[in-house]
Amino acid sequence: MRRGAPLSLPFLLFLYVKQVLMTSLSLGKLSRHIDTLVTRFHI
């Protein structure tokens, strides 16, 4: 565990950043869909 820590730490950080980016992108798409639905219902 100690031996692989220096190598696995940046990898885990990269995976975490990628996950955050993917979730933020999906949330952006969701917010866009919600915005279009809201505008459609208001119109």
PDB file of N, CA and C in Angstrom:
ATOM      1  N   MET A   1       0.845  -1.204   0.000  1.00  0.00           N
ATOM      2  CA  MET A   1       0.000   0.000   0.000  1.00  0.00           C
ATOM      3  C   MET A   1       0.881   1.255   0.000  1.00  0.00           C
ATOM      4  N   ARG A   2       1.910   1.246   0.871  1.00  0.00           N
ATOM      5  CA  ARG A   2       2.780   2.421   0.958  1.00  0.00           C
ATOM      6  C   ARG A   2       3.578   2.600  -0.332  1.00  0.00           C
ATOM      7  N   ARG A   3       3.962   1.474  -0.937  1.00  0.00           N
ATOM      8  CA  ARG A   3       4.806   1.552  -2.123  1.00  0.00           C
ATOM      9  C   ARG A   3       4.024   2.125  -3.310  1.00  0.00           C
ATOM     10  N   GLY A   4       2.744   1.801  -3.400  1.00  0.00           N
ATOM     11  CA  GLY A   4       1.946   2.266  -4.535  1.00  0.00           C
ATOM     12  C   GLY A   4       1.284   3.615  -4.284  1.00  0.00           C
ATOM     13  N   ALA A   5       1.452   4.168  -3.083  1.00  0.00           N
ATOM     14  CA  ALA A   5       0.791   5.433  -2.766  1.00  0.00           C
ATOM     15  C   ALA A   5       1.231   6.575  -3.689  1.00  0.00           C
ATOM     16  N   PRO A   6       2.528   6.782  -3.903  1.00  0.00           N
ATOM     17  CA  PRO A   6       2.940   7.903  -4.763  1.00  0.00           C
ATOM     18  C   PRO A   6       2.401   7.777  -6.185  1.00  0.00           C
ATOM     19  N   LEU A   7       2.206   6.544  -6.652  1.00  0.00           N
ATOM     20  CA  LEU A   7       1.718   6.364  -8.018  1.00  0.00           C
ATOM     21  C   LEU A   7       0.197   6.429  -8.078  1.00  0.00           C
ATOM     22  N   SER A   8      -0.463   5.908  -7.052  1.00  0.00           N
ATOM     23  CA  SER A   8      -1.922   5.826  -7.103  1.00  0.00           C
ATOM     24  C   SER A   8      -2.577   7.157  -6.723  1.00  0.00           C
ATOM     25  N   LEU A   9      -1.882   7.995  -5.946  1.00  0.00           N
ATOM     26  CA  LEU A   9      -2.493   9.256  -5.505  1.00  0.00           C
ATOM     27  C   LEU A   9      -2.833  10.164  -6.687  1.00  0.00           C
ATOM     28  N   PRO A  10      -1.890  10.466  -7.584  1.00  0.00           N
ATOM     29  CA  PRO A  10      -2.242  11.306  -8.746  1.00  0.00           C
ATOM     30  C   PRO A  10      -3.293  10.642  -9.628  1.00  0.00           C
ATOM     31  N   PHE A  11      -3.247   9.314  -9.721  1.00  0.00           N
ATOM     32  CA  PHE A  11      -4.234   8.604 -10.536  1.00  0.00           C
ATOM     33  C   PHE A  11      -5.629   8.762  -9.940  1.00  0.00           C
ATOM     34  N   LEU A  12      -5.727   8.625  -8.615  1.00  0.00           N
ATOM     35  CA  LEU A  12      -7.024   8.802  -7.955  1.00  0.00           C
ATOM     36  C   LEU A  12      -7.497  10.243  -8.108  1.00  0.00           C
ATOM     37  N   LEU A  13      -6.563  11.191  -8.019  1.00  0.00           N
ATOM     38  CA  LEU A  13      -6.914  12.600  -8.187  1.00  0.00           C
ATOM     39  C   LEU A  13      -7.446  12.842  -9.595  1.00  0.00           C
ATOM     40  N   PHE A  14      -6.783  12.227 -10.589  1.00  0.00           N
ATOM     41  CA  PHE A  14      -7.232  12.370 -11.979  1.00  0.00           C
ATOM     42  C   PHE A  14      -8.629  11.781 -12.156  1.00  0.00           C
ATOM     43  N   LEU A  15      -8.848  10.607 -11.557  1.00  0.00           N
ATOM     44  CA  LEU A  15     -10.168   9.976 -11.656  1.00  0.00           C
ATOM     45  C   LEU A  15     -11.229  10.858 -10.992  1.00  0.00           C
ATOM     46  N   TYR A  16     -10.872  11.455  -9.847  1.00  0.00           N
ATOM     47  CA  TYR A  16     -11.819  12.309  -9.132  1.00  0.00           C
ATOM     48  C   TYR A  16     -12.167  13.539  -9.967  1.00  0.00           C
ATOM     49  N   VAL A  17     -11.137  14.148 -10.568  1.00  0.00           N
ATOM     50  CA  VAL A  17     -11.364  15.340 -11.390  1.00  0.00           C
ATOM     51  C   VAL A  17     -12.216  14.982 -12.607  1.00  0.00           C
ATOM     52  N   LYS A  18     -11.923  13.815 -13.208  1.00  0.00           N
ATOM     53  CA  LYS A  18     -12.700  13.392 -14.378  1.00  0.00           C
ATOM     54  C   LYS A  18     -14.159  13.170 -13.981  1.00  0.00           C
ATOM     55  N   GLN A  19     -14.375  12.544 -12.827  1.00  0.00           N
ATOM     56  CA  GLN A  19     -15.738  12.290 -12.368  1.00  0.00           C
ATOM     57  C   GLN A  19     -16.473  13.603 -12.127  1.00  0.00           C
ATOM     58  N   VAL A  20     -15.767  14.565 -11.520  1.00  0.00           N
ATOM     59  CA  VAL A  20     -16.395  15.864 -11.242  1.00  0.00           C
ATOM     60  C   VAL A  20     -16.751  16.566 -12.549  1.00  0.00           C
ATOM     61  N   LEU A  21     -15.849  16.483 -13.530  1.00  0.00           N
ATOM     62  CA  LEU A  21     -16.118  17.124 -14.822  1.00  0.00           C
ATOM     63  C   LEU A  21     -17.313  16.469 -15.501  1.00  0.00           C
ATOM     64  N   MET A  22     -17.369  15.139 -15.449  1.00  0.00           N
ATOM     65  CA  MET A  22     -18.482  14.439 -16.084  1.00  0.00           C
ATOM     66  C   MET A  22     -19.803  14.792 -15.397  1.00  0.00           C
ATOM     67  N   THR A  23     -19.797  14.840 -14.073  1.00  0.00           N
ATOM     68  CA  THR A  23     -21.028  15.165 -13.349  1.00  0.00           C
ATOM     69  C   THR A  23     -21.446  16.606 -13.633  1.00  0.00           C
ATOM     70  N   SER A  24     -20.465  17.510 -13.721  1.00  0.00           N
ATOM     71  CA  SER A  24     -20.792  18.911 -13.994  1.00  0.00           C
ATOM     72  C   SER A  24     -21.358  19.049 -15.404  1.00  0.00           C
ATOM     73  N   LEU A  25     -20.798  18.278 -16.354  1.00  0.00           N
ATOM     74  CA  LEU A  25     -21.306  18.331 -17.730  1.00  0.00           C
ATOM     75  C   LEU A  25     -22.730  17.798 -17.788  1.00  0.00           C
ATOM     76  N   SER A  26     -22.988  16.684 -17.104  1.00  0.00           N
ATOM     77  CA  SER A  26     -24.333  16.106 -17.108  1.00  0.00           C
ATOM     78  C   SER A  26     -25.315  17.051 -16.418  1.00  0.00           C
ATOM     79  N   LEU A  27     -24.860  17.723 -15.349  1.00  0.00           N
ATOM     80  CA  LEU A  27     -25.730  18.673 -14.662  1.00  0.00           C
ATOM     81  C   LEU A  27     -26.027  19.855 -15.569  1.00  0.00           C
ATOM     82  N   GLY A  28     -25.026  20.291 -16.350  1.00  0.00           N
ATOM     83  CA  GLY A  28     -25.241  21.386 -17.291  1.00  0.00           C
ATOM     84  C   GLY A  28     -26.270  21.002 -18.336  1.00  0.00           C
ATOM     85  N   LYS A  29     -26.176  19.769 -18.836  1.00  0.00           N
ATOM     86  CA  LYS A  29     -27.157  19.302 -19.817  1.00  0.00           C
ATOM     87  C   LYS A  29     -28.537  19.239 -19.179  1.00  0.00           C
ATOM     88  N   LEU A  30     -28.601  18.767 -17.940  1.00  0.00           N
ATOM     89  CA  LEU A  30     -29.884  18.680 -17.248  1.00  0.00           C
ATOM     90  C   LEU A  30     -30.484  20.067 -17.066  1.00  0.00           C
ATOM     91  N   SER A  31     -29.656  21.031 -16.659  1.00  0.00           N
ATOM     92  CA  SER A  31     -30.159  22.390 -16.453  1.00  0.00           C
ATOM     93  C   SER A  31     -30.638  22.975 -17.773  1.00  0.00           C
ATOM     94  N   ARG A  32     -29.938  22.650 -18.868  1.00  0.00           N
ATOM     95  CA  ARG A  32     -30.375  23.148 -20.182  1.00  0.00           C
ATOM     96  C   ARG A  32     -31.733  22.562 -20.540  1.00  0.00           C
ATOM     97  N   HIS A  33     -31.904  21.262 -20.302  1.00  0.00           N
ATOM     98  CA  HIS A  33     -33.182  20.622 -20.601  1.00  0.00           C
ATOM     99  C   HIS A  33     -34.288  21.224 -19.737  1.00  0.00           C
ATOM    100  N   ILE A  34     -33.988  21.464 -18.476  1.00  0.00           N
ATOM    101  CA  ILE A  34     -34.989  22.049 -17.576  1.00  0.00           C
ATOM    102  C   ILE A  34     -35.341  23.456 -18.042  1.00  0.00           C
ATOM    103  N   ASP A  35     -34.320  24.216 -18.482  1.00  0.00           N
ATOM    104  CA  ASP A  35     -34.580  25.571 -18.971  1.00  0.00           C
ATOM    105  C   ASP A  35     -35.493  25.538 -20.186  1.00  0.00           C
ATOM    106  N   THR A  36     -35.224  24.620 -21.119  1.00  0.00           N
ATOM    107  CA  THR A  36     -36.059  24.533 -22.326  1.00  0.00           C
ATOM    108  C   THR A  36     -37.479  24.133 -21.952  1.00  0.00           C
ATOM    109  N   LEU A  37     -37.618  23.194 -21.006  1.00  0.00           N
ATOM    110  CA  LEU A  37     -38.955  22.774 -20.578  1.00  0.00           C
ATOM    111  C   LEU A  37     -39.694  23.938 -19.922  1.00  0.00           C
ATOM    112  N   VAL A  38     -38.984  24.689 -19.079  1.00  0.00           N
ATOM    113  CA  VAL A  38     -39.619  25.822 -18.386  1.00  0.00           C
ATOM    114  C   VAL A  38     -40.058  26.870 -19.399  1.00  0.00           C
ATOM    115  N   THR A  39     -39.195  27.162 -20.373  1.00  0.00           N
ATOM    116  CA  THR A  39     -39.560  28.172 -21.378  1.00  0.00           C
ATOM    117  C   THR A  39     -40.748  27.680 -22.202  1.00  0.00           C
ATOM    118  N   ARG A  40     -40.781  26.405 -22.512  1.00  0.00           N
ATOM    119  CA  ARG A  40     -41.899  25.861 -23.294  1.00  0.00           C
ATOM    120  C   ARG A  40     -43.204  25.981 -22.508  1.00  0.00           C
ATOM    121  N   PHE A  41     -43.149  25.662 -21.227  1.00  0.00           N
ATOM    122  CA  PHE A  41     -44.373  25.711 -20.431  1.00  0.00           C
ATOM    123  C   PHE A  41     -44.817  27.154 -20.203  1.00  0.00           C
ATOM    124  N   HIS A  42     -43.866  28.061 -20.050  1.00  0.00           N
ATOM    125  CA  HIS A  42     -44.222  29.468 -19.837  1.00  0.00           C
ATOM    126  C   HIS A  42     -44.785  30.070 -21.115  1.00  0.00           C
ATOM    127  N   ILE A  43     -44.304  29.599 -22.265  1.00  0.00           N
ATOM    128  CA  ILE A  43     -44.826  30.112 -23.545  1.00  0.00           C
ATOM    129  C   ILE A  43     -46.086  29.323 -23.908  1.00  0.00           C
TER     130      ILE A  43
END
